[in-house]
Structure formats: C-alpha cells, structure tokens
Amino acid sequence: MEAIISPAEYFQNEVLRPILKSQNELLIAMFRHQISKRKTNFDNFSPEDQFIYIEQTIRKDLNFRSLLLGTIVGRLTHQQYDAYSLQEEELNRRTINMLIQRLQSQLVKRK
C-alpha cells in the first residue's frame, strides 16, 4: 500500500529539493559571506557550536533568512509559484529546515 503524501510534501520533494541542490554552492557562499560580514570565527567553533550557529543564524536573522528564501523562490516557474503561494508558510518552514540541514551537513567539521 502506497503512502499518501500531502501537497506540501510533494512540492518539497519535487520542486524545492532540486532547487536547493542546484543552488547548493551559491547558498554555501552566501552563508560564508554572512559569517565574514559578522566577523565570526566559525571555523574555530566546536562542531556542536557550528551546528547551533548555522541554525540560529538562519532562524533569527530575518533579513538573511529572507535573502535565502528569495534565492530559492526566485528559481520557481510561474506555475510553481502559484502552487507555492497557496502554502507559503508551510513551504517556507520546510525550505528553511532543509536549508539548515544541508548547510549543517556540509559546513560542520567532523572530528
């Protein structure tokens, strides 16, 4: 029996994940730039602190979070944007969660 997925989950998997993957290098560069603007010595943080810093930066810096979301939403087609706008709040939450996980998996140094 096949599981029924919500429209938000479908959109996440079929539209947002591929965009995040295609924009990966740009999103990393944007995060690195944000670190340098804040004069944060991210590379000297413990892995646990790096993990926390990534999440807090994206969740609490509303301007930066909006910039990241705009970078992703800007890749949508008109039809995709129409679908996105119907569930904007939920899809933004999902996008931010995926983005945080993606950055944490690539930027946190493992010991």
PDB file of N, CA and C in Angstrom:
ATOM      1  N   MET A   1       0.837  -1.186   0.000  1.00  0.00           N
ATOM      2  CA  MET A   1       0.000   0.000   0.000  1.00  0.00           C
ATOM      3  C   MET A   1       0.879   1.246   0.000  1.00  0.00           C
ATOM      4  N   GLU A   2       0.584   2.142  -0.893  1.00  0.00           N
ATOM      5  CA  GLU A   2       1.400   3.346  -1.061  1.00  0.00           C
ATOM      6  C   GLU A   2       0.934   4.443  -0.098  1.00  0.00           C
ATOM      7  N   ALA A   3       1.885   5.105   0.515  1.00  0.00           N
ATOM      8  CA  ALA A   3       1.566   6.191   1.455  1.00  0.00           C
ATOM      9  C   ALA A   3       1.074   7.415   0.691  1.00  0.00           C
ATOM     10  N   ILE A   4       0.115   8.088   1.254  1.00  0.00           N
ATOM     11  CA  ILE A   4      -0.411   9.318   0.654  1.00  0.00           C
ATOM     12  C   ILE A   4       0.390  10.474   1.222  1.00  0.00           C
ATOM     13  N   ILE A   5       0.919  11.297   0.321  1.00  0.00           N
ATOM     14  CA  ILE A   5       1.703  12.439   0.789  1.00  0.00           C
ATOM     15  C   ILE A   5       0.906  13.729   0.586  1.00  0.00           C
ATOM     16  N   SER A   6       1.181  14.680   1.440  1.00  0.00           N
ATOM     17  CA  SER A   6       0.484  15.967   1.365  1.00  0.00           C
ATOM     18  C   SER A   6       0.991  16.767   0.174  1.00  0.00           C
ATOM     19  N   PRO A   7       0.194  17.732  -0.280  1.00  0.00           N
ATOM     20  CA  PRO A   7       0.662  18.600  -1.365  1.00  0.00           C
ATOM     21  C   PRO A   7       1.965  19.325  -1.000  1.00  0.00           C
ATOM     22  N   ALA A   8       2.107  19.733   0.270  1.00  0.00           N
ATOM     23  CA  ALA A   8       3.332  20.429   0.698  1.00  0.00           C
ATOM     24  C   ALA A   8       4.535  19.496   0.601  1.00  0.00           C
ATOM     25  N   GLU A   9       4.365  18.247   1.016  1.00  0.00           N
ATOM     26  CA  GLU A   9       5.473  17.292   0.936  1.00  0.00           C
ATOM     27  C   GLU A   9       5.830  16.989  -0.513  1.00  0.00           C
ATOM     28  N   TYR A  10       4.819  16.854  -1.354  1.00  0.00           N
ATOM     29  CA  TYR A  10       5.064  16.624  -2.776  1.00  0.00           C
ATOM     30  C   TYR A  10       5.858  17.792  -3.380  1.00  0.00           C
ATOM     31  N   PHE A  11       5.409  19.017  -3.100  1.00  0.00           N
ATOM     32  CA  PHE A  11       6.089  20.207  -3.621  1.00  0.00           C
ATOM     33  C   PHE A  11       7.523  20.270  -3.102  1.00  0.00           C
ATOM     34  N   GLN A  12       7.682  19.955  -1.827  1.00  0.00           N
ATOM     35  CA  GLN A  12       9.020  19.937  -1.226  1.00  0.00           C
ATOM     36  C   GLN A  12       9.939  18.982  -1.981  1.00  0.00           C
ATOM     37  N   ASN A  13       9.476  17.775  -2.212  1.00  0.00           N
ATOM     38  CA  ASN A  13      10.321  16.755  -2.825  1.00  0.00           C
ATOM     39  C   ASN A  13      10.537  16.953  -4.319  1.00  0.00           C
ATOM     40  N   GLU A  14       9.513  17.421  -5.007  1.00  0.00           N
ATOM     41  CA  GLU A  14       9.590  17.530  -6.466  1.00  0.00           C
ATOM     42  C   GLU A  14      10.114  18.873  -6.961  1.00  0.00           C
ATOM     43  N   VAL A  15       9.976  19.912  -6.151  1.00  0.00           N
ATOM     44  CA  VAL A  15      10.369  21.257  -6.601  1.00  0.00           C
ATOM     45  C   VAL A  15      11.489  21.842  -5.738  1.00  0.00           C
ATOM     46  N   LEU A  16      11.272  21.883  -4.426  1.00  0.00           N
ATOM     47  CA  LEU A  16      12.221  22.587  -3.568  1.00  0.00           C
ATOM     48  C   LEU A  16      13.560  21.858  -3.430  1.00  0.00           C
ATOM     49  N   ARG A  17      13.535  20.557  -3.216  1.00  0.00           N
ATOM     50  CA  ARG A  17      14.802  19.813  -3.081  1.00  0.00           C
ATOM     51  C   ARG A  17      15.711  19.980  -4.299  1.00  0.00           C
ATOM     52  N   PRO A  18      15.170  19.822  -5.520  1.00  0.00           N
ATOM     53  CA  PRO A  18      16.040  20.031  -6.692  1.00  0.00           C
ATOM     54  C   PRO A  18      16.607  21.452  -6.784  1.00  0.00           C
ATOM     55  N   ILE A  19      15.812  22.447  -6.375  1.00  0.00           N
ATOM     56  CA  ILE A  19      16.317  23.828  -6.393  1.00  0.00           C
ATOM     57  C   ILE A  19      17.438  23.976  -5.371  1.00  0.00           C
ATOM     58  N   LEU A  20      17.226  23.469  -4.158  1.00  0.00           N
ATOM     59  CA  LEU A  20      18.280  23.547  -3.142  1.00  0.00           C
ATOM     60  C   LEU A  20      19.554  22.861  -3.634  1.00  0.00           C
ATOM     61  N   LYS A  21      19.398  21.736  -4.288  1.00  0.00           N
ATOM     62  CA  LYS A  21      20.571  21.019  -4.799  1.00  0.00           C
ATOM     63  C   LYS A  21      21.270  21.838  -5.884  1.00  0.00           C
ATOM     64  N   SER A  22      20.508  22.409  -6.796  1.00  0.00           N
ATOM     65  CA  SER A  22      21.129  23.171  -7.891  1.00  0.00           C
ATOM     66  C   SER A  22      21.761  24.473  -7.402  1.00  0.00           C
ATOM     67  N   GLN A  23      21.242  25.034  -6.319  1.00  0.00           N
ATOM     68  CA  GLN A  23      21.752  26.295  -5.777  1.00  0.00           C
ATOM     69  C   GLN A  23      22.738  26.074  -4.629  1.00  0.00           C
ATOM     70  N   ASN A  24      23.144  24.840  -4.402  1.00  0.00           N
ATOM     71  CA  ASN A  24      23.950  24.481  -3.243  1.00  0.00           C
ATOM     72  C   ASN A  24      25.193  25.354  -3.072  1.00  0.00           C
ATOM     73  N   GLU A  25      25.986  25.468  -4.104  1.00  0.00           N
ATOM     74  CA  GLU A  25      27.238  26.236  -3.997  1.00  0.00           C
ATOM     75  C   GLU A  25      26.962  27.704  -3.686  1.00  0.00           C
ATOM     76  N   LEU A  26      25.930  28.259  -4.294  1.00  0.00           N
ATOM     77  CA  LEU A  26      25.570  29.655  -4.025  1.00  0.00           C
ATOM     78  C   LEU A  26      25.111  29.829  -2.577  1.00  0.00           C
ATOM     79  N   LEU A  27      24.289  28.915  -2.082  1.00  0.00           N
ATOM     80  CA  LEU A  27      23.799  29.006  -0.704  1.00  0.00           C
ATOM     81  C   LEU A  27      24.945  28.904   0.299  1.00  0.00           C
ATOM     82  N   ILE A  28      25.905  28.035   0.031  1.00  0.00           N
ATOM     83  CA  ILE A  28      27.086  27.930   0.900  1.00  0.00           C
ATOM     84  C   ILE A  28      27.883  29.234   0.854  1.00  0.00           C
ATOM     85  N   ALA A  29      28.067  29.774  -0.344  1.00  0.00           N
ATOM     86  CA  ALA A  29      28.809  31.031  -0.485  1.00  0.00           C
ATOM     87  C   ALA A  29      28.093  32.164   0.251  1.00  0.00           C
ATOM     88  N   MET A  30      26.782  32.190   0.179  1.00  0.00           N
ATOM     89  CA  MET A  30      26.009  33.221   0.876  1.00  0.00           C
ATOM     90  C   MET A  30      26.175  33.087   2.385  1.00  0.00           C
ATOM     91  N   PHE A  31      26.154  31.869   2.881  1.00  0.00           N
ATOM     92  CA  PHE A  31      26.328  31.664   4.319  1.00  0.00           C
ATOM     93  C   PHE A  31      27.735  32.065   4.746  1.00  0.00           C
ATOM     94  N   ARG A  32      28.738  31.668   3.974  1.00  0.00           N
ATOM     95  CA  ARG A  32      30.127  32.051   4.283  1.00  0.00           C
ATOM     96  C   ARG A  32      30.283  33.574   4.286  1.00  0.00           C
ATOM     97  N   HIS A  33      29.639  34.231   3.329  1.00  0.00           N
ATOM     98  CA  HIS A  33      29.699  35.692   3.270  1.00  0.00           C
ATOM     99  C   HIS A  33      29.062  36.307   4.523  1.00  0.00           C
ATOM    100  N   GLN A  34      27.940  35.741   4.961  1.00  0.00           N
ATOM    101  CA  GLN A  34      27.271  36.221   6.174  1.00  0.00           C
ATOM    102  C   GLN A  34      28.187  36.072   7.384  1.00  0.00           C
ATOM    103  N   ILE A  35      28.901  34.954   7.453  1.00  0.00           N
ATOM    104  CA  ILE A  35      29.857  34.730   8.546  1.00  0.00           C
ATOM    105  C   ILE A  35      30.931  35.813   8.533  1.00  0.00           C
ATOM    106  N   SER A  36      31.466  36.097   7.340  1.00  0.00           N
ATOM    107  CA  SER A  36      32.541  37.094   7.261  1.00  0.00           C
ATOM    108  C   SER A  36      32.020  38.496   7.564  1.00  0.00           C
ATOM    109  N   LYS A  37      30.787  38.815   7.170  1.00  0.00           N
ATOM    110  CA  LYS A  37      30.211  40.125   7.490  1.00  0.00           C
ATOM    111  C   LYS A  37      30.070  40.304   8.989  1.00  0.00           C
ATOM    112  N   ARG A  38      29.751  39.249   9.689  1.00  0.00           N
ATOM    113  CA  ARG A  38      29.599  39.303  11.140  1.00  0.00           C
ATOM    114  C   ARG A  38      30.936  39.175  11.867  1.00  0.00           C
ATOM    115  N   LYS A  39      31.994  38.959  11.103  1.00  0.00           N
ATOM    116  CA  LYS A  39      33.338  38.775  11.666  1.00  0.00           C
ATOM    117  C   LYS A  39      33.339  37.637  12.697  1.00  0.00           C
ATOM    118  N   THR A  40      32.681  36.541  12.312  1.00  0.00           N
ATOM    119  CA  THR A  40      32.576  35.364  13.175  1.00  0.00           C
ATOM    120  C   THR A  40      33.678  34.385  12.811  1.00  0.00           C
ATOM    121  N   ASN A  41      34.323  33.839  13.811  1.00  0.00           N
ATOM    122  CA  ASN A  41      35.389  32.862  13.574  1.00  0.00           C
ATOM    123  C   ASN A  41      34.798  31.448  13.589  1.00  0.00           C
ATOM    124  N   PHE A  42      33.890  31.208  12.654  1.00  0.00           N
ATOM    125  CA  PHE A  42      33.110  29.969  12.567  1.00  0.00           C
ATOM    126  C   PHE A  42      33.990  28.724  12.550  1.00  0.00           C
ATOM    127  N   ASP A  43      35.091  28.768  11.824  1.00  0.00           N
ATOM    128  CA  ASP A  43      35.949  27.587  11.681  1.00  0.00           C
ATOM    129  C   ASP A  43      36.619  27.181  12.994  1.00  0.00           C
ATOM    130  N   ASN A  44      36.690  28.079  13.955  1.00  0.00           N
ATOM    131  CA  ASN A  44      37.273  27.741  15.257  1.00  0.00           C
ATOM    132  C   ASN A  44      36.236  27.260  16.268  1.00  0.00           C
ATOM    133  N   PHE A  45      34.960  27.305  15.888  1.00  0.00           N
ATOM    134  CA  PHE A  45      33.910  26.794  16.773  1.00  0.00           C
ATOM    135  C   PHE A  45      34.006  25.279  16.862  1.00  0.00           C
ATOM    136  N   SER A  46      33.536  24.722  17.963  1.00  0.00           N
ATOM    137  CA  SER A  46      33.419  23.260  18.058  1.00  0.00           C
ATOM    138  C   SER A  46      32.334  22.818  17.070  1.00  0.00           C
ATOM    139  N   PRO A  47      32.353  21.564  16.655  1.00  0.00           N
ATOM    140  CA  PRO A  47      31.288  21.099  15.749  1.00  0.00           C
ATOM    141  C   PRO A  47      29.888  21.348  16.304  1.00  0.00           C
ATOM    142  N   GLU A  48      29.714  21.160  17.598  1.00  0.00           N
ATOM    143  CA  GLU A  48      28.404  21.399  18.207  1.00  0.00           C
ATOM    144  C   GLU A  48      28.005  22.866  18.083  1.00  0.00           C
ATOM    145  N   ASP A  49      28.965  23.760  18.317  1.00  0.00           N
ATOM    146  CA  ASP A  49      28.679  25.192  18.218  1.00  0.00           C
ATOM    147  C   ASP A  49      28.434  25.612  16.770  1.00  0.00           C
ATOM    148  N   GLN A  50      29.144  25.010  15.825  1.00  0.00           N
ATOM    149  CA  GLN A  50      28.899  25.295  14.411  1.00  0.00           C
ATOM    150  C   GLN A  50      27.481  24.889  14.028  1.00  0.00           C
ATOM    151  N   PHE A  51      27.085  23.722  14.482  1.00  0.00           N
ATOM    152  CA  PHE A  51      25.754  23.191  14.214  1.00  0.00           C
ATOM    153  C   PHE A  51      24.689  24.164  14.713  1.00  0.00           C
ATOM    154  N   ILE A  52      24.853  24.631  15.952  1.00  0.00           N
ATOM    155  CA  ILE A  52      23.914  25.566  16.569  1.00  0.00           C
ATOM    156  C   ILE A  52      23.962  26.917  15.867  1.00  0.00           C
ATOM    157  N   TYR A  53      25.158  27.387  15.541  1.00  0.00           N
ATOM    158  CA  TYR A  53      25.319  28.702  14.911  1.00  0.00           C
ATOM    159  C   TYR A  53      24.586  28.763  13.574  1.00  0.00           C
ATOM    160  N   ILE A  54      24.708  27.712  12.778  1.00  0.00           N
ATOM    161  CA  ILE A  54      24.029  27.680  11.478  1.00  0.00           C
ATOM    162  C   ILE A  54      22.525  27.828  11.676  1.00  0.00           C
ATOM    163  N   GLU A  55      21.966  27.028  12.572  1.00  0.00           N
ATOM    164  CA  GLU A  55      20.519  27.075  12.779  1.00  0.00           C
ATOM    165  C   GLU A  55      20.084  28.427  13.323  1.00  0.00           C
ATOM    166  N   GLN A  56      20.782  28.948  14.327  1.00  0.00           N
ATOM    167  CA  GLN A  56      20.382  30.216  14.926  1.00  0.00           C
ATOM    168  C   GLN A  56      20.512  31.379  13.946  1.00  0.00           C
ATOM    169  N   THR A  57      21.555  31.351  13.142  1.00  0.00           N
ATOM    170  CA  THR A  57      21.745  32.431  12.170  1.00  0.00           C
ATOM    171  C   THR A  57      20.586  32.475  11.188  1.00  0.00           C
ATOM    172  N   ILE A  58      20.194  31.322  10.678  1.00  0.00           N
ATOM    173  CA  ILE A  58      19.129  31.285   9.676  1.00  0.00           C
ATOM    174  C   ILE A  58      17.764  31.551  10.310  1.00  0.00           C
ATOM    175  N   ARG A  59      17.539  31.059  11.501  1.00  0.00           N
ATOM    176  CA  ARG A  59      16.226  31.250  12.138  1.00  0.00           C
ATOM    177  C   ARG A  59      16.038  32.658  12.707  1.00  0.00           C
ATOM    178  N   LYS A  60      17.100  33.280  13.199  1.00  0.00           N
ATOM    179  CA  LYS A  60      16.953  34.549  13.921  1.00  0.00           C
ATOM    180  C   LYS A  60      17.259  35.796  13.095  1.00  0.00           C
ATOM    181  N   ASP A  61      18.107  35.665  12.067  1.00  0.00           N
ATOM    182  CA  ASP A  61      18.427  36.824  11.227  1.00  0.00           C
ATOM    183  C   ASP A  61      17.398  36.879  10.097  1.00  0.00           C
ATOM    184  N   LEU A  62      16.349  37.661  10.321  1.00  0.00           N
ATOM    185  CA  LEU A  62      15.226  37.679   9.384  1.00  0.00           C
ATOM    186  C   LEU A  62      15.614  38.188   7.996  1.00  0.00           C
ATOM    187  N   ASN A  63      16.503  39.172   7.931  1.00  0.00           N
ATOM    188  CA  ASN A  63      16.931  39.670   6.627  1.00  0.00           C
ATOM    189  C   ASN A  63      17.688  38.595   5.854  1.00  0.00           C
ATOM    190  N   PHE A  64      18.585  37.909   6.521  1.00  0.00           N
ATOM    191  CA  PHE A  64      19.362  36.856   5.865  1.00  0.00           C
ATOM    192  C   PHE A  64      18.446  35.703   5.456  1.00  0.00           C
ATOM    193  N   ARG A  65      17.538  35.326   6.340  1.00  0.00           N
ATOM    194  CA  ARG A  65      16.603  34.243   6.012  1.00  0.00           C
ATOM    195  C   ARG A  65      15.759  34.615   4.795  1.00  0.00           C
ATOM    196  N   SER A  66      15.308  35.860   4.734  1.00  0.00           N
ATOM    197  CA  SER A  66      14.527  36.317   3.582  1.00  0.00           C
ATOM    198  C   SER A  66      15.355  36.282   2.303  1.00  0.00           C
ATOM    199  N   LEU A  67      16.616  36.647   2.410  1.00  0.00           N
ATOM    200  CA  LEU A  67      17.504  36.587   1.251  1.00  0.00           C
ATOM    201  C   LEU A  67      17.654  35.146   0.756  1.00  0.00           C
ATOM    202  N   LEU A  68      17.858  34.213   1.677  1.00  0.00           N
ATOM    203  CA  LEU A  68      17.982  32.804   1.300  1.00  0.00           C
ATOM    204  C   LEU A  68      16.699  32.286   0.658  1.00  0.00           C
ATOM    205  N   LEU A  69      15.560  32.600   1.274  1.00  0.00           N
ATOM    206  CA  LEU A  69      14.280  32.163   0.705  1.00  0.00           C
ATOM    207  C   LEU A  69      14.055  32.777  -0.672  1.00  0.00           C
ATOM    208  N   GLY A  70      14.406  34.034  -0.823  1.00  0.00           N
ATOM    209  CA  GLY A  70      14.258  34.694  -2.120  1.00  0.00           C
ATOM    210  C   GLY A  70      15.119  34.054  -3.194  1.00  0.00           C
ATOM    211  N   THR A  71      16.299  33.607  -2.807  1.00  0.00           N
ATOM    212  CA  THR A  71      17.190  32.927  -3.745  1.00  0.00           C
ATOM    213  C   THR A  71      16.550  31.635  -4.246  1.00  0.00           C
ATOM    214  N   ILE A  72      15.831  30.964  -3.375  1.00  0.00           N
ATOM    215  CA  ILE A  72      15.192  29.696  -3.737  1.00  0.00           C
ATOM    216  C   ILE A  72      13.879  29.947  -4.479  1.00  0.00           C
ATOM    217  N   VAL A  73      13.045  30.823  -3.948  1.00  0.00           N
ATOM    218  CA  VAL A  73      11.754  31.117  -4.573  1.00  0.00           C
ATOM    219  C   VAL A  73      11.956  31.741  -5.961  1.00  0.00           C
ATOM    220  N   GLY A  74      13.018  32.477  -6.125  1.00  0.00           N
ATOM    221  CA  GLY A  74      13.313  33.097  -7.413  1.00  0.00           C
ATOM    222  C   GLY A  74      13.576  32.101  -8.532  1.00  0.00           C
ATOM    223  N   ARG A  75      13.793  30.861  -8.183  1.00  0.00           N
ATOM    224  CA  ARG A  75      14.013  29.814  -9.189  1.00  0.00           C
ATOM    225  C   ARG A  75      12.719  29.119  -9.609  1.00  0.00           C
ATOM    226  N   LEU A  76      11.600  29.453  -8.965  1.00  0.00           N
ATOM    227  CA  LEU A  76      10.334  28.823  -9.309  1.00  0.00           C
ATOM    228  C   LEU A  76       9.804  29.351 -10.638  1.00  0.00           C
ATOM    229  N   THR A  77       9.109  28.493 -11.363  1.00  0.00           N
ATOM    230  CA  THR A  77       8.372  28.946 -12.539  1.00  0.00           C
ATOM    231  C   THR A  77       7.107  29.649 -12.062  1.00  0.00           C
ATOM    232  N   HIS A  78       6.418  30.297 -12.963  1.00  0.00           N
ATOM    233  CA  HIS A  78       5.174  30.981 -12.602  1.00  0.00           C
ATOM    234  C   HIS A  78       4.163  29.976 -12.052  1.00  0.00           C
ATOM    235  N   GLN A  79       4.047  28.838 -12.687  1.00  0.00           N
ATOM    236  CA  GLN A  79       3.104  27.804 -12.230  1.00  0.00           C
ATOM    237  C   GLN A  79       3.507  27.277 -10.843  1.00  0.00           C
ATOM    238  N   GLN A  80       4.790  27.044 -10.647  1.00  0.00           N
ATOM    239  CA  GLN A  80       5.267  26.582  -9.342  1.00  0.00           C
ATOM    240  C   GLN A  80       5.014  27.640  -8.278  1.00  0.00           C
ATOM    241  N   TYR A  81       5.226  28.899  -8.631  1.00  0.00           N
ATOM    242  CA  TYR A  81       4.994  29.968  -7.658  1.00  0.00           C
ATOM    243  C   TYR A  81       3.531  30.030  -7.249  1.00  0.00           C
ATOM    244  N   ASP A  82       2.629  29.826  -8.199  1.00  0.00           N
ATOM    245  CA  ASP A  82       1.208  29.813  -7.859  1.00  0.00           C
ATOM    246  C   ASP A  82       0.914  28.727  -6.830  1.00  0.00           C
ATOM    247  N   ALA A  83       1.479  27.537  -7.013  1.00  0.00           N
ATOM    248  CA  ALA A  83       1.285  26.433  -6.059  1.00  0.00           C
ATOM    249  C   ALA A  83       1.950  26.772  -4.722  1.00  0.00           C
ATOM    250  N   TYR A  84       3.140  27.353  -4.788  1.00  0.00           N
ATOM    251  CA  TYR A  84       3.882  27.748  -3.577  1.00  0.00           C
ATOM    252  C   TYR A  84       3.084  28.766  -2.762  1.00  0.00           C
ATOM    253  N   SER A  85       2.525  29.741  -3.421  1.00  0.00           N
ATOM    254  CA  SER A  85       1.846  30.828  -2.707  1.00  0.00           C
ATOM    255  C   SER A  85       0.618  30.340  -1.939  1.00  0.00           C
ATOM    256  N   LEU A  86       0.029  29.221  -2.356  1.00  0.00           N
ATOM    257  CA  LEU A  86      -1.129  28.669  -1.646  1.00  0.00           C
ATOM    258  C   LEU A  86      -0.748  28.076  -0.291  1.00  0.00           C
ATOM    259  N   GLN A  87       0.531  27.702  -0.153  1.00  0.00           N
ATOM    260  CA  GLN A  87       1.004  27.068   1.089  1.00  0.00           C
ATOM    261  C   GLN A  87       2.304  27.702   1.544  1.00  0.00           C
ATOM    262  N   GLU A  88       2.418  28.988   1.331  1.00  0.00           N
ATOM    263  CA  GLU A  88       3.677  29.701   1.543  1.00  0.00           C
ATOM    264  C   GLU A  88       4.277  29.481   2.930  1.00  0.00           C
ATOM    265  N   GLU A  89       3.489  29.620   3.963  1.00  0.00           N
ATOM    266  CA  GLU A  89       4.024  29.492   5.319  1.00  0.00           C
ATOM    267  C   GLU A  89       4.614  28.101   5.562  1.00  0.00           C
ATOM    268  N   GLU A  90       3.859  27.080   5.204  1.00  0.00           N
ATOM    269  CA  GLU A  90       4.329  25.700   5.388  1.00  0.00           C
ATOM    270  C   GLU A  90       5.562  25.410   4.532  1.00  0.00           C
ATOM    271  N   LEU A  91       5.550  25.873   3.289  1.00  0.00           N
ATOM    272  CA  LEU A  91       6.682  25.605   2.397  1.00  0.00           C
ATOM    273  C   LEU A  91       7.920  26.397   2.817  1.00  0.00           C
ATOM    274  N   ASN A  92       7.751  27.595   3.341  1.00  0.00           N
ATOM    275  CA  ASN A  92       8.899  28.345   3.864  1.00  0.00           C
ATOM    276  C   ASN A  92       9.513  27.603   5.045  1.00  0.00           C
ATOM    277  N   ARG A  93       8.667  27.089   5.937  1.00  0.00           N
ATOM    278  CA  ARG A  93       9.163  26.316   7.084  1.00  0.00           C
ATOM    279  C   ARG A  93       9.938  25.089   6.601  1.00  0.00           C
ATOM    280  N   ARG A  94       9.401  24.383   5.656  1.00  0.00           N
ATOM    281  CA  ARG A  94      10.078  23.195   5.124  1.00  0.00           C
ATOM    282  C   ARG A  94      11.397  23.569   4.425  1.00  0.00           C
ATOM    283  N   THR A  95      11.368  24.661   3.677  1.00  0.00           N
ATOM    284  CA  THR A  95      12.569  25.105   2.960  1.00  0.00           C
ATOM    285  C   THR A  95      13.674  25.466   3.945  1.00  0.00           C
ATOM    286  N   ILE A  96      13.339  26.220   4.973  1.00  0.00           N
ATOM    287  CA  ILE A  96      14.331  26.619   5.971  1.00  0.00           C
ATOM    288  C   ILE A  96      14.903  25.390   6.667  1.00  0.00           C
ATOM    289  N   ASN A  97      14.049  24.437   7.027  1.00  0.00           N
ATOM    290  CA  ASN A  97      14.536  23.212   7.670  1.00  0.00           C
ATOM    291  C   ASN A  97      15.500  22.450   6.758  1.00  0.00           C
ATOM    292  N   MET A  98      15.142  22.317   5.485  1.00  0.00           N
ATOM    293  CA  MET A  98      16.038  21.615   4.548  1.00  0.00           C
ATOM    294  C   MET A  98      17.348  22.376   4.366  1.00  0.00           C
ATOM    295  N   LEU A  99      17.259  23.685   4.289  1.00  0.00           N
ATOM    296  CA  LEU A  99      18.452  24.505   4.102  1.00  0.00           C
ATOM    297  C   LEU A  99      19.387  24.386   5.302  1.00  0.00           C
ATOM    298  N   ILE A 100      18.842  24.446   6.490  1.00  0.00           N
ATOM    299  CA  ILE A 100      19.656  24.299   7.703  1.00  0.00           C
ATOM    300  C   ILE A 100      20.348  22.942   7.702  1.00  0.00           C
ATOM    301  N   GLN A 101      19.605  21.890   7.429  1.00  0.00           N
ATOM    302  CA  GLN A 101      20.185  20.545   7.401  1.00  0.00           C
ATOM    303  C   GLN A 101      21.278  20.428   6.347  1.00  0.00           C
ATOM    304  N   ARG A 102      21.032  21.016   5.187  1.00  0.00           N
ATOM    305  CA  ARG A 102      22.004  20.956   4.094  1.00  0.00           C
ATOM    306  C   ARG A 102      23.295  21.667   4.486  1.00  0.00           C
ATOM    307  N   LEU A 103      23.188  22.858   5.042  1.00  0.00           N
ATOM    308  CA  LEU A 103      24.381  23.607   5.442  1.00  0.00           C
ATOM    309  C   LEU A 103      25.104  22.911   6.590  1.00  0.00           C
ATOM    310  N   GLN A 104      24.355  22.407   7.543  1.00  0.00           N
ATOM    311  CA  GLN A 104      24.989  21.713   8.666  1.00  0.00           C
ATOM    312  C   GLN A 104      25.752  20.479   8.179  1.00  0.00           C
ATOM    313  N   SER A 105      25.180  19.741   7.249  1.00  0.00           N
ATOM    314  CA  SER A 105      25.843  18.509   6.784  1.00  0.00           C
ATOM    315  C   SER A 105      27.108  18.820   5.983  1.00  0.00           C
ATOM    316  N   GLN A 106      27.200  20.007   5.421  1.00  0.00           N
ATOM    317  CA  GLN A 106      28.363  20.334   4.601  1.00  0.00           C
ATOM    318  C   GLN A 106      29.386  21.231   5.278  1.00  0.00           C
ATOM    319  N   LEU A 107      28.948  22.039   6.230  1.00  0.00           N
ATOM    320  CA  LEU A 107      29.854  23.030   6.812  1.00  0.00           C
ATOM    321  C   LEU A 107      30.379  22.672   8.191  1.00  0.00           C
ATOM    322  N   VAL A 108      29.691  21.785   8.897  1.00  0.00           N
ATOM    323  CA  VAL A 108      30.144  21.427  10.243  1.00  0.00           C
ATOM    324  C   VAL A 108      31.283  20.435  10.126  1.00  0.00           C
ATOM    325  N   LYS A 109      32.404  20.820  10.697  1.00  0.00           N
ATOM    326  CA  LYS A 109      33.585  19.934  10.629  1.00  0.00           C
ATOM    327  C   LYS A 109      33.374  18.749  11.559  1.00  0.00           C
ATOM    328  N   ARG A 110      33.725  17.597  11.070  1.00  0.00           N
ATOM    329  CA  ARG A 110      33.576  16.382  11.872  1.00  0.00           C
ATOM    330  C   ARG A 110      34.921  16.022  12.471  1.00  0.00           C
ATOM    331  N   LYS A 111      34.907  15.543  13.707  1.00  0.00           N
ATOM    332  CA  LYS A 111      36.168  15.171  14.350  1.00  0.00           C
ATOM    333  C   LYS A 111      36.284  13.684  14.435  1.00  0.00           C
TER     334      LYS A 111
END
